[in-house]
Amino acid sequence: MTDATNNTNICGLCGSSLTEEHSHEEENLGIQVKYKIIKIRGILADSVAVDDPNDKHPLPARVLAANLGIDATSLLGIQYTCLVSRDPYGTTRSNYHLVED
């Protein structure tokens, strides 16, 4: 059995030492990227970053719509932002928000 008291000074999110300066502010976790839905292919919604046409991101349309709080049939042409983080597992996207016109 592991003694949990050995890890009391280690952050459970990033594994760094806990100090007064230790923080998980949004700017430390990734960057906000704005995407536009350019195509619906069956169950997938294809999006491309507004500032970088090489940053393409397909997602299941129903999942994206649920994250944005809209109907999947209205996805084409909308813009949204999400937090993009690089981590040991690849790229993680979270914190989806619909960009209002």
PDB file of N, CA and C in Angstrom:
ATOM      1  N   MET A   1       0.846  -1.174   0.000  1.00  0.00           N
ATOM      2  CA  MET A   1       0.000   0.000   0.000  1.00  0.00           C
ATOM      3  C   MET A   1       0.895   1.241   0.000  1.00  0.00           C
ATOM      4  N   THR A   2       0.532   2.251  -0.767  1.00  0.00           N
ATOM      5  CA  THR A   2       1.317   3.473  -0.884  1.00  0.00           C
ATOM      6  C   THR A   2       0.931   4.447   0.205  1.00  0.00           C
ATOM      7  N   ASP A   3       1.920   5.105   0.771  1.00  0.00           N
ATOM      8  CA  ASP A   3       1.684   6.121   1.783  1.00  0.00           C
ATOM      9  C   ASP A   3       1.396   7.445   1.100  1.00  0.00           C
ATOM     10  N   ALA A   4       0.170   7.941   1.194  1.00  0.00           N
ATOM     11  CA  ALA A   4      -0.233   9.171   0.514  1.00  0.00           C
ATOM     12  C   ALA A   4       0.476  10.400   1.056  1.00  0.00           C
ATOM     13  N   THR A   5       0.996  10.352   2.266  1.00  0.00           N
ATOM     14  CA  THR A   5       1.658  11.525   2.834  1.00  0.00           C
ATOM     15  C   THR A   5       2.944  11.864   2.101  1.00  0.00           C
ATOM     16  N   ASN A   6       3.509  10.921   1.374  1.00  0.00           N
ATOM     17  CA  ASN A   6       4.730  11.188   0.611  1.00  0.00           C
ATOM     18  C   ASN A   6       4.476  12.135  -0.552  1.00  0.00           C
ATOM     19  N   ASN A   7       3.230  12.237  -1.038  1.00  0.00           N
ATOM     20  CA  ASN A   7       2.899  13.033  -2.206  1.00  0.00           C
ATOM     21  C   ASN A   7       2.144  14.311  -1.866  1.00  0.00           C
ATOM     22  N   THR A   8       2.146  14.750  -0.618  1.00  0.00           N
ATOM     23  CA  THR A   8       1.345  15.910  -0.233  1.00  0.00           C
ATOM     24  C   THR A   8       1.875  17.205  -0.833  1.00  0.00           C
ATOM     25  N   ASN A   9       3.118  17.261  -1.262  1.00  0.00           N
ATOM     26  CA  ASN A   9       3.674  18.473  -1.850  1.00  0.00           C
ATOM     27  C   ASN A   9       3.770  18.391  -3.367  1.00  0.00           C
ATOM     28  N   ILE A  10       3.066  17.446  -3.971  1.00  0.00           N
ATOM     29  CA  ILE A  10       3.074  17.262  -5.420  1.00  0.00           C
ATOM     30  C   ILE A  10       1.673  17.556  -5.959  1.00  0.00           C
ATOM     31  N   CYS A  11       1.599  18.343  -7.022  1.00  0.00           N
ATOM     32  CA  CYS A  11       0.316  18.660  -7.657  1.00  0.00           C
ATOM     33  C   CYS A  11      -0.245  17.413  -8.325  1.00  0.00           C
ATOM     34  N   GLY A  12      -1.504  17.123  -8.073  1.00  0.00           N
ATOM     35  CA  GLY A  12      -2.153  15.970  -8.670  1.00  0.00           C
ATOM     36  C   GLY A  12      -2.450  16.138 -10.155  1.00  0.00           C
ATOM     37  N   LEU A  13      -2.432  17.390 -10.660  1.00  0.00           N
ATOM     38  CA  LEU A  13      -2.695  17.632 -12.073  1.00  0.00           C
ATOM     39  C   LEU A  13      -1.457  17.523 -12.940  1.00  0.00           C
ATOM     40  N   CYS A  14      -0.365  18.144 -12.501  1.00  0.00           N
ATOM     41  CA  CYS A  14       0.807  18.212 -13.371  1.00  0.00           C
ATOM     42  C   CYS A  14       2.041  17.512 -12.814  1.00  0.00           C
ATOM     43  N   GLY A  15       2.014  17.124 -11.545  1.00  0.00           N
ATOM     44  CA  GLY A  15       3.151  16.430 -10.960  1.00  0.00           C
ATOM     45  C   GLY A  15       4.252  17.349 -10.464  1.00  0.00           C
ATOM     46  N   SER A  16       4.068  18.665 -10.566  1.00  0.00           N
ATOM     47  CA  SER A  16       5.070  19.626 -10.098  1.00  0.00           C
ATOM     48  C   SER A  16       4.958  19.811  -8.592  1.00  0.00           C
ATOM     49  N   SER A  17       6.018  20.352  -8.023  1.00  0.00           N
ATOM     50  CA  SER A  17       6.001  20.677  -6.599  1.00  0.00           C
ATOM     51  C   SER A  17       5.015  21.801  -6.332  1.00  0.00           C
ATOM     52  N   LEU A  18       4.305  21.686  -5.227  1.00  0.00           N
ATOM     53  CA  LEU A  18       3.368  22.734  -4.839  1.00  0.00           C
ATOM     54  C   LEU A  18       4.125  23.836  -4.115  1.00  0.00           C
ATOM     55  N   THR A  19       4.099  25.015  -4.697  1.00  0.00           N
ATOM     56  CA  THR A  19       4.721  26.199  -4.088  1.00  0.00           C
ATOM     57  C   THR A  19       3.695  27.317  -4.113  1.00  0.00           C
ATOM     58  N   GLU A  20       4.012  28.450  -3.513  1.00  0.00           N
ATOM     59  CA  GLU A  20       3.092  29.582  -3.548  1.00  0.00           C
ATOM     60  C   GLU A  20       2.868  30.071  -4.968  1.00  0.00           C
ATOM     61  N   GLU A  21       3.851  29.905  -5.848  1.00  0.00           N
ATOM     62  CA  GLU A  21       3.742  30.360  -7.229  1.00  0.00           C
ATOM     63  C   GLU A  21       3.018  29.357  -8.123  1.00  0.00           C
ATOM     64  N   HIS A  22       2.809  28.138  -7.636  1.00  0.00           N
ATOM     65  CA  HIS A  22       2.191  27.090  -8.452  1.00  0.00           C
ATOM     66  C   HIS A  22       0.754  27.469  -8.779  1.00  0.00           C
ATOM     67  N   SER A  23       0.400  27.354 -10.044  1.00  0.00           N
ATOM     68  CA  SER A  23      -0.927  27.768 -10.490  1.00  0.00           C
ATOM     69  C   SER A  23      -1.317  26.968 -11.720  1.00  0.00           C
ATOM     70  N   HIS A  24      -2.612  26.869 -11.926  1.00  0.00           N
ATOM     71  CA  HIS A  24      -3.135  26.247 -13.138  1.00  0.00           C
ATOM     72  C   HIS A  24      -4.065  27.225 -13.836  1.00  0.00           C
ATOM     73  N   GLU A  25      -3.588  28.436 -14.016  1.00  0.00           N
ATOM     74  CA  GLU A  25      -4.341  29.427 -14.772  1.00  0.00           C
ATOM     75  C   GLU A  25      -4.445  28.973 -16.209  1.00  0.00           C
ATOM     76  N   GLU A  26      -5.464  29.442 -16.925  1.00  0.00           N
ATOM     77  CA  GLU A  26      -5.738  28.995 -18.297  1.00  0.00           C
ATOM     78  C   GLU A  26      -4.534  29.170 -19.222  1.00  0.00           C
ATOM     79  N   GLU A  27      -3.783  30.278 -19.069  1.00  0.00           N
ATOM     80  CA  GLU A  27      -2.659  30.490 -19.968  1.00  0.00           C
ATOM     81  C   GLU A  27      -1.543  29.466 -19.771  1.00  0.00           C
ATOM     82  N   ASN A  28      -1.504  28.825 -18.612  1.00  0.00           N
ATOM     83  CA  ASN A  28      -0.502  27.793 -18.364  1.00  0.00           C
ATOM     84  C   ASN A  28      -0.939  26.428 -18.902  1.00  0.00           C
ATOM     85  N   LEU A  29      -2.222  26.285 -19.147  1.00  0.00           N
ATOM     86  CA  LEU A  29      -2.742  24.988 -19.542  1.00  0.00           C
ATOM     87  C   LEU A  29      -2.871  24.811 -21.045  1.00  0.00           C
ATOM     88  N   GLY A  30      -2.824  25.896 -21.804  1.00  0.00           N
ATOM     89  CA  GLY A  30      -2.971  25.811 -23.244  1.00  0.00           C
ATOM     90  C   GLY A  30      -3.322  27.161 -23.827  1.00  0.00           C
ATOM     91  N   ILE A  31      -3.813  27.138 -25.052  1.00  0.00           N
ATOM     92  CA  ILE A  31      -4.194  28.383 -25.707  1.00  0.00           C
ATOM     93  C   ILE A  31      -5.620  28.273 -26.225  1.00  0.00           C
ATOM     94  N   GLN A  32      -6.326  29.392 -26.246  1.00  0.00           N
ATOM     95  CA  GLN A  32      -7.660  29.441 -26.828  1.00  0.00           C
ATOM     96  C   GLN A  32      -7.514  29.542 -28.340  1.00  0.00           C
ATOM     97  N   VAL A  33      -8.182  28.662 -29.065  1.00  0.00           N
ATOM     98  CA  VAL A  33      -8.133  28.659 -30.520  1.00  0.00           C
ATOM     99  C   VAL A  33      -9.557  28.798 -31.048  1.00  0.00           C
ATOM    100  N   LYS A  34      -9.736  29.629 -32.069  1.00  0.00           N
ATOM    101  CA  LYS A  34     -11.040  29.799 -32.695  1.00  0.00           C
ATOM    102  C   LYS A  34     -11.094  28.924 -33.947  1.00  0.00           C
ATOM    103  N   TYR A  35     -12.148  28.112 -34.027  1.00  0.00           N
ATOM    104  CA  TYR A  35     -12.365  27.224 -35.165  1.00  0.00           C
ATOM    105  C   TYR A  35     -13.655  27.602 -35.887  1.00  0.00           C
ATOM    106  N   LYS A  36     -13.730  27.240 -37.163  1.00  0.00           N
ATOM    107  CA  LYS A  36     -14.950  27.402 -37.954  1.00  0.00           C
ATOM    108  C   LYS A  36     -15.311  26.049 -38.554  1.00  0.00           C
ATOM    109  N   ILE A  37     -16.596  25.669 -38.473  1.00  0.00           N
ATOM    110  CA  ILE A  37     -17.065  24.420 -39.071  1.00  0.00           C
ATOM    111  C   ILE A  37     -17.193  24.640 -40.571  1.00  0.00           C
ATOM    112  N   ILE A  38     -16.421  23.870 -41.353  1.00  0.00           N
ATOM    113  CA  ILE A  38     -16.403  24.075 -42.794  1.00  0.00           C
ATOM    114  C   ILE A  38     -17.139  22.989 -43.574  1.00  0.00           C
ATOM    115  N   LYS A  39     -17.399  21.846 -42.914  1.00  0.00           N
ATOM    116  CA  LYS A  39     -18.010  20.736 -43.644  1.00  0.00           C
ATOM    117  C   LYS A  39     -18.595  19.743 -42.650  1.00  0.00           C
ATOM    118  N   ILE A  40     -19.705  19.136 -43.036  1.00  0.00           N
ATOM    119  CA  ILE A  40     -20.276  18.023 -42.272  1.00  0.00           C
ATOM    120  C   ILE A  40     -20.151  16.787 -43.154  1.00  0.00           C
ATOM    121  N   ARG A  41     -19.464  15.758 -42.629  1.00  0.00           N
ATOM    122  CA  ARG A  41     -19.268  14.502 -43.367  1.00  0.00           C
ATOM    123  C   ARG A  41     -19.878  13.374 -42.557  1.00  0.00           C
ATOM    124  N   GLY A  42     -21.107  13.024 -42.891  1.00  0.00           N
ATOM    125  CA  GLY A  42     -21.779  11.975 -42.120  1.00  0.00           C
ATOM    126  C   GLY A  42     -21.937  12.409 -40.679  1.00  0.00           C
ATOM    127  N   ILE A  43     -21.298  11.676 -39.761  1.00  0.00           N
ATOM    128  CA  ILE A  43     -21.404  12.021 -38.347  1.00  0.00           C
ATOM    129  C   ILE A  43     -20.320  12.999 -37.889  1.00  0.00           C
ATOM    130  N   LEU A  44     -19.371  13.331 -38.774  1.00  0.00           N
ATOM    131  CA  LEU A  44     -18.259  14.207 -38.407  1.00  0.00           C
ATOM    132  C   LEU A  44     -18.482  15.649 -38.837  1.00  0.00           C
ATOM    133  N   ALA A  45     -18.056  16.560 -37.975  1.00  0.00           N
ATOM    134  CA  ALA A  45     -18.027  17.987 -38.297  1.00  0.00           C
ATOM    135  C   ALA A  45     -16.557  18.369 -38.461  1.00  0.00           C
ATOM    136  N   ASP A  46     -16.178  18.830 -39.647  1.00  0.00           N
ATOM    137  CA  ASP A  46     -14.798  19.241 -39.909  1.00  0.00           C
ATOM    138  C   ASP A  46     -14.649  20.721 -39.605  1.00  0.00           C
ATOM    139  N   SER A  47     -13.672  21.046 -38.780  1.00  0.00           N
ATOM    140  CA  SER A  47     -13.419  22.444 -38.464  1.00  0.00           C
ATOM    141  C   SER A  47     -11.965  22.771 -38.747  1.00  0.00           C
ATOM    142  N   VAL A  48     -11.721  24.049 -38.987  1.00  0.00           N
ATOM    143  CA  VAL A  48     -10.381  24.535 -39.258  1.00  0.00           C
ATOM    144  C   VAL A  48     -10.162  25.780 -38.404  1.00  0.00           C
ATOM    145  N   ALA A  49      -8.942  25.931 -37.891  1.00  0.00           N
ATOM    146  CA  ALA A  49      -8.617  27.105 -37.083  1.00  0.00           C
ATOM    147  C   ALA A  49      -8.681  28.347 -37.956  1.00  0.00           C
ATOM    148  N   VAL A  50      -9.306  29.396 -37.444  1.00  0.00           N
ATOM    149  CA  VAL A  50      -9.458  30.635 -38.192  1.00  0.00           C
ATOM    150  C   VAL A  50      -8.089  31.235 -38.531  1.00  0.00           C
ATOM    151  N   ASP A  51      -7.123  31.136 -37.615  1.00  0.00           N
ATOM    152  CA  ASP A  51      -5.798  31.733 -37.810  1.00  0.00           C
ATOM    153  C   ASP A  51      -4.772  30.807 -38.444  1.00  0.00           C
ATOM    154  N   ASP A  52      -5.111  29.525 -38.623  1.00  0.00           N
ATOM    155  CA  ASP A  52      -4.145  28.567 -39.165  1.00  0.00           C
ATOM    156  C   ASP A  52      -4.881  27.488 -39.967  1.00  0.00           C
ATOM    157  N   PRO A  53      -4.952  27.633 -41.287  1.00  0.00           N
ATOM    158  CA  PRO A  53      -5.697  26.662 -42.100  1.00  0.00           C
ATOM    159  C   PRO A  53      -5.140  25.240 -42.052  1.00  0.00           C
ATOM    160  N   ASN A  54      -3.926  25.068 -41.523  1.00  0.00           N
ATOM    161  CA  ASN A  54      -3.355  23.727 -41.384  1.00  0.00           C
ATOM    162  C   ASN A  54      -3.839  23.022 -40.119  1.00  0.00           C
ATOM    163  N   ASP A  55      -4.450  23.769 -39.197  1.00  0.00           N
ATOM    164  CA  ASP A  55      -4.955  23.204 -37.945  1.00  0.00           C
ATOM    165  C   ASP A  55      -6.402  22.762 -38.168  1.00  0.00           C
ATOM    166  N   LYS A  56      -6.556  21.506 -38.599  1.00  0.00           N
ATOM    167  CA  LYS A  56      -7.870  20.951 -38.881  1.00  0.00           C
ATOM    168  C   LYS A  56      -8.264  20.005 -37.756  1.00  0.00           C
ATOM    169  N   HIS A  57      -9.555  20.008 -37.435  1.00  0.00           N
ATOM    170  CA  HIS A  57     -10.000  19.259 -36.268  1.00  0.00           C
ATOM    171  C   HIS A  57     -11.381  18.649 -36.506  1.00  0.00           C
ATOM    172  N   PRO A  58     -11.460  17.368 -36.887  1.00  0.00           N
ATOM    173  CA  PRO A  58     -12.768  16.726 -37.034  1.00  0.00           C
ATOM    174  C   PRO A  58     -13.275  16.220 -35.683  1.00  0.00           C
ATOM    175  N   LEU A  59     -14.562  16.374 -35.474  1.00  0.00           N
ATOM    176  CA  LEU A  59     -15.203  15.894 -34.241  1.00  0.00           C
ATOM    177  C   LEU A  59     -16.551  15.280 -34.590  1.00  0.00           C
ATOM    178  N   PRO A  60     -17.032  14.337 -33.790  1.00  0.00           N
ATOM    179  CA  PRO A  60     -18.404  13.882 -33.984  1.00  0.00           C
ATOM    180  C   PRO A  60     -19.357  15.072 -33.807  1.00  0.00           C
ATOM    181  N   ALA A  61     -20.211  15.297 -34.786  1.00  0.00           N
ATOM    182  CA  ALA A  61     -21.082  16.475 -34.782  1.00  0.00           C
ATOM    183  C   ALA A  61     -21.969  16.530 -33.536  1.00  0.00           C
ATOM    184  N   ARG A  62     -22.505  15.417 -33.130  1.00  0.00           N
ATOM    185  CA  ARG A  62     -23.393  15.406 -31.951  1.00  0.00           C
ATOM    186  C   ARG A  62     -22.644  15.766 -30.682  1.00  0.00           C
ATOM    187  N   VAL A  63     -21.402  15.330 -30.565  1.00  0.00           N
ATOM    188  CA  VAL A  63     -20.597  15.644 -29.378  1.00  0.00           C
ATOM    189  C   VAL A  63     -20.279  17.139 -29.351  1.00  0.00           C
ATOM    190  N   LEU A  64     -19.842  17.673 -30.493  1.00  0.00           N
ATOM    191  CA  LEU A  64     -19.530  19.100 -30.565  1.00  0.00           C
ATOM    192  C   LEU A  64     -20.771  19.942 -30.271  1.00  0.00           C
ATOM    193  N   ALA A  65     -21.892  19.575 -30.879  1.00  0.00           N
ATOM    194  CA  ALA A  65     -23.130  20.324 -30.653  1.00  0.00           C
ATOM    195  C   ALA A  65     -23.526  20.301 -29.179  1.00  0.00           C
ATOM    196  N   ALA A  66     -23.390  19.161 -28.544  1.00  0.00           N
ATOM    197  CA  ALA A  66     -23.710  19.059 -27.112  1.00  0.00           C
ATOM    198  C   ALA A  66     -22.776  19.942 -26.283  1.00  0.00           C
ATOM    199  N   ASN A  67     -21.480  19.951 -26.624  1.00  0.00           N
ATOM    200  CA  ASN A  67     -20.524  20.798 -25.900  1.00  0.00           C
ATOM    201  C   ASN A  67     -20.844  22.276 -26.074  1.00  0.00           C
ATOM    202  N   LEU A  68     -21.391  22.644 -27.225  1.00  0.00           N
ATOM    203  CA  LEU A  68     -21.710  24.041 -27.511  1.00  0.00           C
ATOM    204  C   LEU A  68     -23.131  24.417 -27.106  1.00  0.00           C
ATOM    205  N   GLY A  69     -23.954  23.431 -26.789  1.00  0.00           N
ATOM    206  CA  GLY A  69     -25.321  23.686 -26.377  1.00  0.00           C
ATOM    207  C   GLY A  69     -26.240  24.068 -27.528  1.00  0.00           C
ATOM    208  N   ILE A  70     -25.961  23.522 -28.728  1.00  0.00           N
ATOM    209  CA  ILE A  70     -26.794  23.813 -29.891  1.00  0.00           C
ATOM    210  C   ILE A  70     -27.193  22.503 -30.560  1.00  0.00           C
ATOM    211  N   ASP A  71     -28.092  22.598 -31.541  1.00  0.00           N
ATOM    212  CA  ASP A  71     -28.519  21.437 -32.304  1.00  0.00           C
ATOM    213  C   ASP A  71     -27.469  21.098 -33.364  1.00  0.00           C
ATOM    214  N   ALA A  72     -27.218  19.830 -33.587  1.00  0.00           N
ATOM    215  CA  ALA A  72     -26.200  19.388 -34.549  1.00  0.00           C
ATOM    216  C   ALA A  72     -26.502  19.845 -35.972  1.00  0.00           C
ATOM    217  N   THR A  73     -27.763  20.044 -36.295  1.00  0.00           N
ATOM    218  CA  THR A  73     -28.114  20.464 -37.656  1.00  0.00           C
ATOM    219  C   THR A  73     -27.728  21.913 -37.945  1.00  0.00           C
ATOM    220  N   SER A  74     -27.377  22.676 -36.924  1.00  0.00           N
ATOM    221  CA  SER A  74     -27.008  24.085 -37.128  1.00  0.00           C
ATOM    222  C   SER A  74     -25.499  24.331 -37.023  1.00  0.00           C
ATOM    223  N   LEU A  75     -24.699  23.283 -37.082  1.00  0.00           N
ATOM    224  CA  LEU A  75     -23.245  23.437 -36.921  1.00  0.00           C
ATOM    225  C   LEU A  75     -22.541  24.083 -38.120  1.00  0.00           C
ATOM    226  N   LEU A  76     -22.943  23.766 -39.317  1.00  0.00           N
ATOM    227  CA  LEU A  76     -22.222  24.232 -40.503  1.00  0.00           C
ATOM    228  C   LEU A  76     -22.116  25.762 -40.523  1.00  0.00           C
ATOM    229  N   GLY A  77     -20.878  26.243 -40.615  1.00  0.00           N
ATOM    230  CA  GLY A  77     -20.616  27.675 -40.703  1.00  0.00           C
ATOM    231  C   GLY A  77     -20.404  28.396 -39.383  1.00  0.00           C
ATOM    232  N   ILE A  78     -20.712  27.736 -38.254  1.00  0.00           N
ATOM    233  CA  ILE A  78     -20.538  28.427 -36.968  1.00  0.00           C
ATOM    234  C   ILE A  78     -19.064  28.479 -36.585  1.00  0.00           C
ATOM    235  N   GLN A  79     -18.738  29.355 -35.633  1.00  0.00           N
ATOM    236  CA  GLN A  79     -17.392  29.431 -35.072  1.00  0.00           C
ATOM    237  C   GLN A  79     -17.468  29.141 -33.578  1.00  0.00           C
ATOM    238  N   TYR A  80     -16.428  28.514 -33.072  1.00  0.00           N
ATOM    239  CA  TYR A  80     -16.349  28.227 -31.641  1.00  0.00           C
ATOM    240  C   TYR A  80     -14.904  28.343 -31.197  1.00  0.00           C
ATOM    241  N   THR A  81     -14.705  28.488 -29.906  1.00  0.00           N
ATOM    242  CA  THR A  81     -13.367  28.473 -29.350  1.00  0.00           C
ATOM    243  C   THR A  81     -13.246  27.274 -28.415  1.00  0.00           C
ATOM    244  N   CYS A  82     -12.014  26.823 -28.245  1.00  0.00           N
ATOM    245  CA  CYS A  82     -11.742  25.799 -27.258  1.00  0.00           C
ATOM    246  C   CYS A  82     -10.300  25.950 -26.776  1.00  0.00           C
ATOM    247  N   LEU A  83     -10.042  25.388 -25.618  1.00  0.00           N
ATOM    248  CA  LEU A  83      -8.703  25.399 -25.042  1.00  0.00           C
ATOM    249  C   LEU A  83      -7.930  24.226 -25.632  1.00  0.00           C
ATOM    250  N   VAL A  84      -6.800  24.502 -26.269  1.00  0.00           N
ATOM    251  CA  VAL A  84      -5.975  23.467 -26.893  1.00  0.00           C
ATOM    252  C   VAL A  84      -4.703  23.308 -26.070  1.00  0.00           C
ATOM    253  N   SER A  85      -4.489  22.105 -25.569  1.00  0.00           N
ATOM    254  CA  SER A  85      -3.334  21.818 -24.719  1.00  0.00           C
ATOM    255  C   SER A  85      -2.518  20.681 -25.310  1.00  0.00           C
ATOM    256  N   ARG A  86      -1.239  20.840 -25.324  1.00  0.00           N
ATOM    257  CA  ARG A  86      -0.338  19.748 -25.706  1.00  0.00           C
ATOM    258  C   ARG A  86       0.057  19.037 -24.422  1.00  0.00           C
ATOM    259  N   ASP A  87      -0.036  17.729 -24.429  1.00  0.00           N
ATOM    260  CA  ASP A  87       0.277  16.959 -23.236  1.00  0.00           C
ATOM    261  C   ASP A  87       0.942  15.649 -23.640  1.00  0.00           C
ATOM    262  N   PRO A  88       1.335  14.834 -22.677  1.00  0.00           N
ATOM    263  CA  PRO A  88       2.009  13.577 -23.009  1.00  0.00           C
ATOM    264  C   PRO A  88       1.171  12.645 -23.876  1.00  0.00           C
ATOM    265  N   TYR A  89      -0.139  12.857 -23.936  1.00  0.00           N
ATOM    266  CA  TYR A  89      -1.023  11.980 -24.689  1.00  0.00           C
ATOM    267  C   TYR A  89      -1.305  12.500 -26.091  1.00  0.00           C
ATOM    268  N   GLY A  90      -0.823  13.695 -26.423  1.00  0.00           N
ATOM    269  CA  GLY A  90      -1.075  14.301 -27.729  1.00  0.00           C
ATOM    270  C   GLY A  90      -1.630  15.693 -27.550  1.00  0.00           C
ATOM    271  N   THR A  91      -2.773  15.953 -28.172  1.00  0.00           N
ATOM    272  CA  THR A  91      -3.440  17.242 -28.072  1.00  0.00           C
ATOM    273  C   THR A  91      -4.808  17.030 -27.433  1.00  0.00           C
ATOM    274  N   THR A  92      -5.085  17.828 -26.427  1.00  0.00           N
ATOM    275  CA  THR A  92      -6.363  17.767 -25.739  1.00  0.00           C
ATOM    276  C   THR A  92      -7.106  19.067 -25.978  1.00  0.00           C
ATOM    277  N   ARG A  93      -8.375  18.970 -26.343  1.00  0.00           N
ATOM    278  CA  ARG A  93      -9.222  20.148 -26.536  1.00  0.00           C
ATOM    279  C   ARG A  93     -10.344  20.088 -25.511  1.00  0.00           C
ATOM    280  N   SER A  94     -10.617  21.240 -24.890  1.00  0.00           N
ATOM    281  CA  SER A  94     -11.650  21.312 -23.862  1.00  0.00           C
ATOM    282  C   SER A  94     -12.203  22.732 -23.802  1.00  0.00           C
ATOM    283  N   ASN A  95     -13.170  22.951 -22.934  1.00  0.00           N
ATOM    284  CA  ASN A  95     -13.705  24.290 -22.671  1.00  0.00           C
ATOM    285  C   ASN A  95     -14.258  24.933 -23.941  1.00  0.00           C
ATOM    286  N   TYR A  96     -15.205  24.254 -24.583  1.00  0.00           N
ATOM    287  CA  TYR A  96     -15.799  24.712 -25.841  1.00  0.00           C
ATOM    288  C   TYR A  96     -16.808  25.832 -25.600  1.00  0.00           C
ATOM    289  N   HIS A  97     -16.735  26.875 -26.434  1.00  0.00           N
ATOM    290  CA  HIS A  97     -17.678  27.993 -26.361  1.00  0.00           C
ATOM    291  C   HIS A  97     -18.061  28.438 -27.770  1.00  0.00           C
ATOM    292  N   LEU A  98     -19.350  28.650 -27.975  1.00  0.00           N
ATOM    293  CA  LEU A  98     -19.871  29.148 -29.239  1.00  0.00           C
ATOM    294  C   LEU A  98     -19.493  30.627 -29.380  1.00  0.00           C
ATOM    295  N   VAL A  99     -19.012  31.015 -30.558  1.00  0.00           N
ATOM    296  CA  VAL A  99     -18.714  32.420 -30.843  1.00  0.00           C
ATOM    297  C   VAL A  99     -19.970  33.021 -31.450  1.00  0.00           C
ATOM    298  N   GLU A 100     -20.531  33.988 -30.771  1.00  0.00           N
ATOM    299  CA  GLU A 100     -21.746  34.659 -31.249  1.00  0.00           C
ATOM    300  C   GLU A 100     -21.363  35.680 -32.303  1.00  0.00           C
ATOM    301  N   ASP A 101     -22.220  35.823 -33.324  1.00  0.00           N
ATOM    302  CA  ASP A 101     -21.982  36.819 -34.378  1.00  0.00           C
ATOM    303  C   ASP A 101     -22.162  38.224 -33.872  1.00  0.00           C
TER     304      ASP A 101
END
